[in-house]
PDB file of all heavy atoms in Angstrom:
ATOM      1  N   VAL A   1      14.521  63.138  19.657  1.00  0.00           N
ATOM      2  CA  VAL A   1      14.472  61.918  18.847  1.00  0.00           C
ATOM      3  C   VAL A   1      13.146  61.195  19.067  1.00  0.00           C
ATOM      4  O   VAL A   1      12.520  60.704  18.113  1.00  0.00           O
ATOM      5  CB  VAL A   1      15.663  60.993  19.191  1.00  0.00           C
ATOM      6  CG1 VAL A   1      15.475  59.616  18.553  1.00  0.00           C
ATOM      7  CG2 VAL A   1      16.972  61.609  18.719  1.00  0.00           C
ATOM      8  N   THR A   2      12.699  61.122  20.331  1.00  0.00           N
ATOM      9  CA  THR A   2      11.418  60.481  20.638  1.00  0.00           C
ATOM     10  C   THR A   2      10.279  61.175  19.916  1.00  0.00           C
ATOM     11  O   THR A   2       9.379  60.524  19.352  1.00  0.00           O
ATOM     12  CB  THR A   2      11.156  60.505  22.162  1.00  0.00           C
ATOM     13  OG1 THR A   2      12.212  59.818  22.838  1.00  0.00           O
ATOM     14  CG2 THR A   2       9.828  59.835  22.494  1.00  0.00           C
ATOM     15  N   TYR A   3      10.306  62.504  19.901  1.00  0.00           N
ATOM     16  CA  TYR A   3       9.243  63.256  19.222  1.00  0.00           C
ATOM     17  C   TYR A   3       9.266  62.991  17.719  1.00  0.00           C
ATOM     18  O   TYR A   3       8.215  62.804  17.098  1.00  0.00           O
ATOM     19  CB  TYR A   3       9.400  64.746  19.496  1.00  0.00           C
ATOM     20  CG  TYR A   3       8.382  65.602  18.776  1.00  0.00           C
ATOM     21  CD1 TYR A   3       7.076  65.696  19.245  1.00  0.00           C
ATOM     22  CD2 TYR A   3       8.722  66.302  17.619  1.00  0.00           C
ATOM     23  CE1 TYR A   3       6.131  66.470  18.566  1.00  0.00           C
ATOM     24  CE2 TYR A   3       7.789  67.077  16.948  1.00  0.00           C
ATOM     25  CZ  TYR A   3       6.499  67.155  17.427  1.00  0.00           C
ATOM     26  OH  TYR A   3       5.575  67.910  16.758  1.00  0.00           O
ATOM     27  N   GLU A   4      10.456  62.990  17.124  1.00  0.00           N
ATOM     28  CA  GLU A   4      10.560  62.771  15.681  1.00  0.00           C
ATOM     29  C   GLU A   4      10.072  61.383  15.290  1.00  0.00           C
ATOM     30  O   GLU A   4       9.560  61.174  14.188  1.00  0.00           O
ATOM     31  CB  GLU A   4      12.010  62.973  15.216  1.00  0.00           C
ATOM     32  CG  GLU A   4      12.462  64.416  15.224  1.00  0.00           C
ATOM     33  CD  GLU A   4      11.615  65.303  14.329  1.00  0.00           C
ATOM     34  OE1 GLU A   4      11.241  64.841  13.227  1.00  0.00           O
ATOM     35  OE2 GLU A   4      11.309  66.439  14.731  1.00  0.00           O
ATOM     36  N   GLN A   5      10.224  60.406  16.190  1.00  0.00           N
ATOM     37  CA  GLN A   5       9.811  59.046  15.878  1.00  0.00           C
ATOM     38  C   GLN A   5       8.316  58.817  16.085  1.00  0.00           C
ATOM     39  O   GLN A   5       7.791  57.792  15.648  1.00  0.00           O
ATOM     40  CB  GLN A   5      10.611  58.048  16.739  1.00  0.00           C
ATOM     41  CG  GLN A   5      12.084  57.971  16.348  1.00  0.00           C
ATOM     42  CD  GLN A   5      12.870  56.999  17.209  1.00  0.00           C
ATOM     43  OE1 GLN A   5      12.427  56.608  18.295  1.00  0.00           O
ATOM     44  NE2 GLN A   5      14.037  56.586  16.723  1.00  0.00           N
ATOM     45  N   LYS A   6       7.629  59.759  16.745  1.00  0.00           N
ATOM     46  CA  LYS A   6       6.184  59.651  16.914  1.00  0.00           C
ATOM     47  C   LYS A   6       5.476  59.774  15.560  1.00  0.00           C
ATOM     48  O   LYS A   6       5.858  60.608  14.746  1.00  0.00           O
ATOM     49  CB  LYS A   6       5.669  60.754  17.858  1.00  0.00           C
ATOM     50  CG  LYS A   6       5.854  60.456  19.329  1.00  0.00           C
ATOM     51  CD  LYS A   6       5.580  61.689  20.172  1.00  0.00           C
ATOM     52  CE  LYS A   6       4.225  62.305  19.930  1.00  0.00           C
ATOM     53  NZ  LYS A   6       3.109  61.465  20.438  1.00  0.00           N
ATOM     54  N   GLU A   7       4.476  58.942  15.355  1.00  0.00           N
ATOM     55  CA  GLU A   7       3.752  58.999  14.077  1.00  0.00           C
ATOM     56  C   GLU A   7       2.978  60.304  13.944  1.00  0.00           C
ATOM     57  O   GLU A   7       3.030  60.958  12.905  1.00  0.00           O
ATOM     58  CB  GLU A   7       2.792  57.814  13.970  1.00  0.00           C
ATOM     59  CG  GLU A   7       2.016  57.790  12.661  1.00  0.00           C
ATOM     60  CD  GLU A   7       1.077  56.613  12.571  1.00  0.00           C
ATOM     61  OE1 GLU A   7       0.841  55.944  13.598  1.00  0.00           O
ATOM     62  OE2 GLU A   7       0.569  56.358  11.463  1.00  0.00           O
ATOM     63  N   LEU A   8       2.275  60.686  15.015  1.00  0.00           N
ATOM     64  CA  LEU A   8       1.485  61.913  15.025  1.00  0.00           C
ATOM     65  C   LEU A   8       2.107  62.919  15.972  1.00  0.00           C
ATOM     66  O   LEU A   8       2.993  62.584  16.774  1.00  0.00           O
ATOM     67  CB  LEU A   8       0.047  61.609  15.453  1.00  0.00           C
ATOM     68  CG  LEU A   8      -0.716  60.553  14.644  1.00  0.00           C
ATOM     69  CD1 LEU A   8      -2.107  60.365  15.225  1.00  0.00           C
ATOM     70  CD2 LEU A   8      -0.799  60.933  13.176  1.00  0.00           C
ATOM     71  N   GLY A   9       1.633  64.159  15.887  1.00  0.00           N
ATOM     72  CA  GLY A   9       2.119  65.193  16.794  1.00  0.00           C
ATOM     73  C   GLY A   9       1.373  65.159  18.119  1.00  0.00           C
ATOM     74  O   GLY A   9       0.574  64.258  18.398  1.00  0.00           O
ATOM     75  N   ASN A  10       1.623  66.144  18.953  1.00  0.00           N
ATOM     76  CA  ASN A  10       0.968  66.261  20.256  1.00  0.00           C
ATOM     77  C   ASN A  10      -0.217  67.210  20.159  1.00  0.00           C
ATOM     78  O   ASN A  10      -0.152  68.229  19.472  1.00  0.00           O
ATOM     79  CB  ASN A  10       1.949  66.772  21.309  1.00  0.00           C
ATOM     80  CG  ASN A  10       3.139  65.848  21.477  1.00  0.00           C
ATOM     81  OD1 ASN A  10       3.013  64.628  21.332  1.00  0.00           O
ATOM     82  ND2 ASN A  10       4.302  66.415  21.756  1.00  0.00           N
ATOM     83  N   VAL A  11      -1.288  66.873  20.864  1.00  0.00           N
ATOM     84  CA  VAL A  11      -2.478  67.717  20.910  1.00  0.00           C
ATOM     85  C   VAL A  11      -2.362  68.635  22.114  1.00  0.00           C
ATOM     86  O   VAL A  11      -2.055  68.189  23.223  1.00  0.00           O
ATOM     87  CB  VAL A  11      -3.752  66.859  21.017  1.00  0.00           C
ATOM     88  CG1 VAL A  11      -4.988  67.733  21.165  1.00  0.00           C
ATOM     89  CG2 VAL A  11      -3.886  65.971  19.788  1.00  0.00           C
ATOM     90  N   SER A  12      -2.609  69.926  21.900  1.00  0.00           N
ATOM     91  CA  SER A  12      -2.427  70.912  22.973  1.00  0.00           C
ATOM     92  C   SER A  12      -3.354  70.671  24.162  1.00  0.00           C
ATOM     93  O   SER A  12      -3.124  71.201  25.243  1.00  0.00           O
ATOM     94  CB  SER A  12      -2.641  72.329  22.438  1.00  0.00           C
ATOM     95  OG  SER A  12      -3.946  72.462  21.910  1.00  0.00           O
ATOM     96  N   TYR A  13      -4.402  69.871  23.982  1.00  0.00           N
ATOM     97  CA  TYR A  13      -5.355  69.629  25.060  1.00  0.00           C
ATOM     98  C   TYR A  13      -4.940  68.480  25.976  1.00  0.00           C
ATOM     99  O   TYR A  13      -5.676  68.125  26.891  1.00  0.00           O
ATOM    100  CB  TYR A  13      -6.746  69.348  24.480  1.00  0.00           C
ATOM    101  CG  TYR A  13      -7.325  70.533  23.755  1.00  0.00           C
ATOM    102  CD1 TYR A  13      -7.312  70.592  22.360  1.00  0.00           C
ATOM    103  CD2 TYR A  13      -7.863  71.602  24.444  1.00  0.00           C
ATOM    104  CE1 TYR A  13      -7.840  71.688  21.688  1.00  0.00           C
ATOM    105  CE2 TYR A  13      -8.390  72.704  23.781  1.00  0.00           C
ATOM    106  CZ  TYR A  13      -8.370  72.732  22.401  1.00  0.00           C
ATOM    107  OH  TYR A  13      -8.887  73.814  21.747  1.00  0.00           O
ATOM    108  N   GLN A  14      -3.778  67.861  25.698  1.00  0.00           N
ATOM    109  CA  GLN A  14      -3.289  66.838  26.611  1.00  0.00           C
ATOM    110  C   GLN A  14      -3.061  67.466  27.984  1.00  0.00           C
ATOM    111  O   GLN A  14      -2.480  68.543  28.087  1.00  0.00           O
ATOM    112  CB  GLN A  14      -1.976  66.250  26.087  1.00  0.00           C
ATOM    113  CG  GLN A  14      -2.145  65.420  24.809  1.00  0.00           C
ATOM    114  CD  GLN A  14      -0.800  64.990  24.255  1.00  0.00           C
ATOM    115  OE1 GLN A  14      -0.227  65.666  23.397  1.00  0.00           O
ATOM    116  NE2 GLN A  14      -0.275  63.884  24.747  1.00  0.00           N
ATOM    117  N   TYR A  15      -3.487  66.779  29.031  1.00  0.00           N
ATOM    118  CA  TYR A  15      -3.302  67.341  30.368  1.00  0.00           C
ATOM    119  C   TYR A  15      -1.827  67.298  30.754  1.00  0.00           C
ATOM    120  O   TYR A  15      -1.087  66.389  30.350  1.00  0.00           O
ATOM    121  CB  TYR A  15      -4.166  66.597  31.398  1.00  0.00           C
ATOM    122  CG  TYR A  15      -3.678  65.210  31.758  1.00  0.00           C
ATOM    123  CD1 TYR A  15      -2.881  64.992  32.879  1.00  0.00           C
ATOM    124  CD2 TYR A  15      -4.015  64.101  30.976  1.00  0.00           C
ATOM    125  CE1 TYR A  15      -2.431  63.728  33.213  1.00  0.00           C
ATOM    126  CE2 TYR A  15      -3.579  62.833  31.300  1.00  0.00           C
ATOM    127  CZ  TYR A  15      -2.790  62.648  32.428  1.00  0.00           C
ATOM    128  OH  TYR A  15      -2.350  61.394  32.749  1.00  0.00           O
ATOM    129  N   ILE A  16      -1.404  68.289  31.506  1.00  0.00           N
ATOM    130  CA  ILE A  16      -0.015  68.361  31.948  1.00  0.00           C
ATOM    131  C   ILE A  16       0.136  67.766  33.344  1.00  0.00           C
ATOM    132  O   ILE A  16       1.002  66.935  33.593  1.00  0.00           O
ATOM    133  CB  ILE A  16       0.467  69.823  31.912  1.00  0.00           C
ATOM    134  CG1 ILE A  16       0.441  70.337  30.464  1.00  0.00           C
ATOM    135  CG2 ILE A  16       1.866  69.947  32.498  1.00  0.00           C
ATOM    136  CD1 ILE A  16       0.834  71.786  30.312  1.00  0.00           C
ATOM    137  N   TYR A  17      -0.724  68.208  34.271  1.00  0.00           N
ATOM    138  CA  TYR A  17      -0.738  67.637  35.608  1.00  0.00           C
ATOM    139  C   TYR A  17      -2.153  67.205  35.946  1.00  0.00           C
ATOM    140  O   TYR A  17      -3.115  67.921  35.667  1.00  0.00           O
ATOM    141  CB  TYR A  17      -0.237  68.644  36.656  1.00  0.00           C
ATOM    142  CG  TYR A  17       1.269  68.663  36.782  1.00  0.00           C
ATOM    143  CD1 TYR A  17       2.031  69.591  36.089  1.00  0.00           C
ATOM    144  CD2 TYR A  17       1.927  67.728  37.567  1.00  0.00           C
ATOM    145  CE1 TYR A  17       3.411  69.609  36.188  1.00  0.00           C
ATOM    146  CE2 TYR A  17       3.308  67.726  37.670  1.00  0.00           C
ATOM    147  CZ  TYR A  17       4.041  68.667  36.977  1.00  0.00           C
ATOM    148  OH  TYR A  17       5.400  68.675  37.075  1.00  0.00           O
ATOM    149  N   LYS A  18      -2.272  66.039  36.535  1.00  0.00           N
ATOM    150  CA  LYS A  18      -3.582  65.499  36.896  1.00  0.00           C
ATOM    151  C   LYS A  18      -4.114  66.188  38.153  1.00  0.00           C
ATOM    152  O   LYS A  18      -3.383  66.392  39.121  1.00  0.00           O
ATOM    153  CB  LYS A  18      -3.479  63.993  37.131  1.00  0.00           C
ATOM    154  CG  LYS A  18      -4.819  63.308  37.333  1.00  0.00           C
ATOM    155  CD  LYS A  18      -4.672  61.795  37.363  1.00  0.00           C
ATOM    156  CE  LYS A  18      -4.082  61.348  38.688  1.00  0.00           C
ATOM    157  NZ  LYS A  18      -4.140  59.888  38.837  1.00  0.00           N
ATOM    158  N   TYR A  19      -5.396  66.544  38.099  1.00  0.00           N
ATOM    159  CA  TYR A  19      -6.046  67.117  39.277  1.00  0.00           C
ATOM    160  C   TYR A  19      -6.237  66.023  40.331  1.00  0.00           C
ATOM    161  O   TYR A  19      -6.443  64.846  40.007  1.00  0.00           O
ATOM    162  CB  TYR A  19      -7.414  67.700  38.909  1.00  0.00           C
ATOM    163  CG  TYR A  19      -7.355  69.037  38.224  1.00  0.00           C
ATOM    164  CD1 TYR A  19      -7.284  69.118  36.844  1.00  0.00           C
ATOM    165  CD2 TYR A  19      -7.369  70.211  38.949  1.00  0.00           C
ATOM    166  CE1 TYR A  19      -7.233  70.349  36.197  1.00  0.00           C
ATOM    167  CE2 TYR A  19      -7.322  71.446  38.316  1.00  0.00           C
ATOM    168  CZ  TYR A  19      -7.247  71.496  36.945  1.00  0.00           C
ATOM    169  OH  TYR A  19      -7.191  72.712  36.306  1.00  0.00           O
ATOM    170  N   ASP A  20      -6.195  66.438  41.597  1.00  0.00           N
ATOM    171  CA  ASP A  20      -6.469  65.518  42.694  1.00  0.00           C
ATOM    172  C   ASP A  20      -7.947  65.134  42.654  1.00  0.00           C
ATOM    173  O   ASP A  20      -8.831  65.991  42.727  1.00  0.00           O
ATOM    174  CB  ASP A  20      -6.127  66.194  44.030  1.00  0.00           C
ATOM    175  CG  ASP A  20      -6.230  65.239  45.204  1.00  0.00           C
ATOM    176  OD1 ASP A  20      -6.802  64.141  45.049  1.00  0.00           O
ATOM    177  OD2 ASP A  20      -5.739  65.597  46.294  1.00  0.00           O
ATOM    178  N   LYS A  21      -8.242  63.818  42.532  1.00  0.00           N
ATOM    179  CA  LYS A  21      -9.629  63.362  42.430  1.00  0.00           C
ATOM    180  C   LYS A  21     -10.456  63.764  43.654  1.00  0.00           C
ATOM    181  O   LYS A  21     -11.670  63.949  43.561  1.00  0.00           O
ATOM    182  CB  LYS A  21      -9.676  61.847  42.265  1.00  0.00           C
ATOM    183  CG  LYS A  21      -9.200  61.357  40.912  1.00  0.00           C
ATOM    184  CD  LYS A  21      -9.574  59.904  40.683  1.00  0.00           C
ATOM    185  CE  LYS A  21      -8.855  58.993  41.671  1.00  0.00           C
ATOM    186  NZ  LYS A  21      -9.149  57.576  41.385  1.00  0.00           N
ATOM    187  N   ASP A  22      -9.802  63.890  44.816  1.00  0.00           N
ATOM    188  CA  ASP A  22     -10.522  64.262  46.034  1.00  0.00           C
ATOM    189  C   ASP A  22     -10.995  65.714  46.006  1.00  0.00           C
ATOM    190  O   ASP A  22     -11.823  66.110  46.820  1.00  0.00           O
ATOM    191  CB  ASP A  22      -9.632  64.033  47.263  1.00  0.00           C
ATOM    192  CG  ASP A  22      -9.300  62.553  47.452  1.00  0.00           C
ATOM    193  OD1 ASP A  22     -10.105  61.718  47.013  1.00  0.00           O
ATOM    194  OD2 ASP A  22      -8.232  62.251  48.026  1.00  0.00           O
ATOM    195  N   LEU A  23     -10.435  66.514  45.072  1.00  0.00           N
ATOM    196  CA  LEU A  23     -10.819  67.925  44.975  1.00  0.00           C
ATOM    197  C   LEU A  23     -11.791  68.182  43.820  1.00  0.00           C
ATOM    198  O   LEU A  23     -12.093  69.322  43.507  1.00  0.00           O
ATOM    199  CB  LEU A  23      -9.569  68.800  44.802  1.00  0.00           C
ATOM    200  CG  LEU A  23      -8.564  68.796  45.962  1.00  0.00           C
ATOM    201  CD1 LEU A  23      -7.348  69.640  45.612  1.00  0.00           C
ATOM    202  CD2 LEU A  23      -9.204  69.299  47.239  1.00  0.00           C
ATOM    203  N   ILE A  24     -12.263  67.101  43.178  1.00  0.00           N
ATOM    204  CA  ILE A  24     -13.149  67.245  42.033  1.00  0.00           C
ATOM    205  C   ILE A  24     -14.489  66.576  42.325  1.00  0.00           C
ATOM    206  O   ILE A  24     -14.535  65.394  42.700  1.00  0.00           O
ATOM    207  CB  ILE A  24     -12.544  66.612  40.765  1.00  0.00           C
ATOM    208  CG1 ILE A  24     -11.159  67.189  40.480  1.00  0.00           C
ATOM    209  CG2 ILE A  24     -13.442  66.845  39.557  1.00  0.00           C
ATOM    210  CD1 ILE A  24     -10.454  66.519  39.330  1.00  0.00           C
ATOM    211  N   ASP A  25     -15.561  67.329  42.170  1.00  0.00           N
ATOM    212  CA  ASP A  25     -16.918  66.785  42.285  1.00  0.00           C
ATOM    213  C   ASP A  25     -17.545  66.806  40.893  1.00  0.00           C
ATOM    214  O   ASP A  25     -17.929  67.864  40.392  1.00  0.00           O
ATOM    215  CB  ASP A  25     -17.755  67.608  43.257  1.00  0.00           C
ATOM    216  CG  ASP A  25     -17.170  67.609  44.662  1.00  0.00           C
ATOM    217  OD1 ASP A  25     -16.717  66.537  45.097  1.00  0.00           O
ATOM    218  OD2 ASP A  25     -17.148  68.679  45.302  1.00  0.00           O
ATOM    219  N   VAL A  26     -17.626  65.627  40.255  1.00  0.00           N
ATOM    220  CA  VAL A  26     -18.118  65.524  38.889  1.00  0.00           C
ATOM    221  C   VAL A  26     -19.512  64.907  38.879  1.00  0.00           C
ATOM    222  O   VAL A  26     -19.742  63.854  39.475  1.00  0.00           O
ATOM    223  CB  VAL A  26     -17.177  64.670  38.014  1.00  0.00           C
ATOM    224  CG1 VAL A  26     -17.654  64.653  36.561  1.00  0.00           C
ATOM    225  CG2 VAL A  26     -15.747  65.199  38.094  1.00  0.00           C
ATOM    226  N   THR A  27     -20.427  65.570  38.197  1.00  0.00           N
ATOM    227  CA  THR A  27     -21.785  65.046  38.035  1.00  0.00           C
ATOM    228  C   THR A  27     -22.198  65.161  36.576  1.00  0.00           C
ATOM    229  O   THR A  27     -21.671  65.991  35.825  1.00  0.00           O
ATOM    230  CB  THR A  27     -22.800  65.822  38.898  1.00  0.00           C
ATOM    231  OG1 THR A  27     -22.780  67.207  38.513  1.00  0.00           O
ATOM    232  CG2 THR A  27     -22.467  65.691  40.373  1.00  0.00           C
ATOM    233  N   THR A  28     -23.148  64.318  36.172  1.00  0.00           N
ATOM    234  CA  THR A  28     -23.694  64.394  34.823  1.00  0.00           C
ATOM    235  C   THR A  28     -25.064  63.736  34.784  1.00  0.00           C
ATOM    236  O   THR A  28     -25.356  62.825  35.584  1.00  0.00           O
ATOM    237  CB  THR A  28     -22.769  63.712  33.798  1.00  0.00           C
ATOM    238  OG1 THR A  28     -23.280  63.940  32.485  1.00  0.00           O
ATOM    239  CG2 THR A  28     -22.667  62.221  34.045  1.00  0.00           C
ATOM    240  N   THR A  29     -25.902  64.185  33.884  1.00  0.00           N
ATOM    241  CA  THR A  29     -27.212  63.567  33.659  1.00  0.00           C
ATOM    242  C   THR A  29     -27.238  62.854  32.321  1.00  0.00           C
ATOM    243  O   THR A  29     -28.273  62.311  31.923  1.00  0.00           O
ATOM    244  CB  THR A  29     -28.320  64.642  33.692  1.00  0.00           C
ATOM    245  OG1 THR A  29     -28.051  65.639  32.697  1.00  0.00           O
ATOM    246  CG2 THR A  29     -28.389  65.294  35.070  1.00  0.00           C
ATOM    247  N   LYS A  30     -26.109  62.855  31.633  1.00  0.00           N
ATOM    248  CA  LYS A  30     -26.022  62.260  30.307  1.00  0.00           C
ATOM    249  C   LYS A  30     -25.494  60.827  30.388  1.00  0.00           C
ATOM    250  O   LYS A  30     -24.823  60.444  31.347  1.00  0.00           O
ATOM    251  CB  LYS A  30     -25.107  63.094  29.411  1.00  0.00           C
ATOM    252  CG  LYS A  30     -25.566  64.533  29.208  1.00  0.00           C
ATOM    253  CD  LYS A  30     -26.846  64.592  28.405  1.00  0.00           C
ATOM    254  CE  LYS A  30     -27.268  66.029  28.159  1.00  0.00           C
ATOM    255  NZ  LYS A  30     -28.524  66.111  27.372  1.00  0.00           N
ATOM    256  N   THR A  31     -25.793  60.069  29.357  1.00  0.00           N
ATOM    257  CA  THR A  31     -25.253  58.721  29.204  1.00  0.00           C
ATOM    258  C   THR A  31     -24.316  58.719  28.005  1.00  0.00           C
ATOM    259  O   THR A  31     -24.713  59.115  26.904  1.00  0.00           O
ATOM    260  CB  THR A  31     -26.371  57.692  28.981  1.00  0.00           C
ATOM    261  OG1 THR A  31     -27.258  57.723  30.094  1.00  0.00           O
ATOM    262  CG2 THR A  31     -25.782  56.291  28.844  1.00  0.00           C
ATOM    263  N   TYR A  32     -23.093  58.297  28.228  1.00  0.00           N
ATOM    264  CA  TYR A  32     -22.092  58.348  27.171  1.00  0.00           C
ATOM    265  C   TYR A  32     -21.833  56.957  26.608  1.00  0.00           C
ATOM    266  O   TYR A  32     -21.798  55.960  27.348  1.00  0.00           O
ATOM    267  CB  TYR A  32     -20.792  58.956  27.700  1.00  0.00           C
ATOM    268  CG  TYR A  32     -20.994  60.344  28.260  1.00  0.00           C
ATOM    269  CD1 TYR A  32     -20.950  60.576  29.638  1.00  0.00           C
ATOM    270  CD2 TYR A  32     -21.257  61.416  27.423  1.00  0.00           C
ATOM    271  CE1 TYR A  32     -21.153  61.838  30.155  1.00  0.00           C
ATOM    272  CE2 TYR A  32     -21.463  62.685  27.935  1.00  0.00           C
ATOM    273  CZ  TYR A  32     -21.415  62.887  29.304  1.00  0.00           C
ATOM    274  OH  TYR A  32     -21.642  64.141  29.809  1.00  0.00           O
TER     275      TYR A  32
END
């Protein structure tokens, strides 16, 4: 019922489980 009441569908790229931030080293040279 919750799904049917949603306006839009689900995107397959939604994350399922969050990665532990302590195990991720993220770097970038770009400005967003």
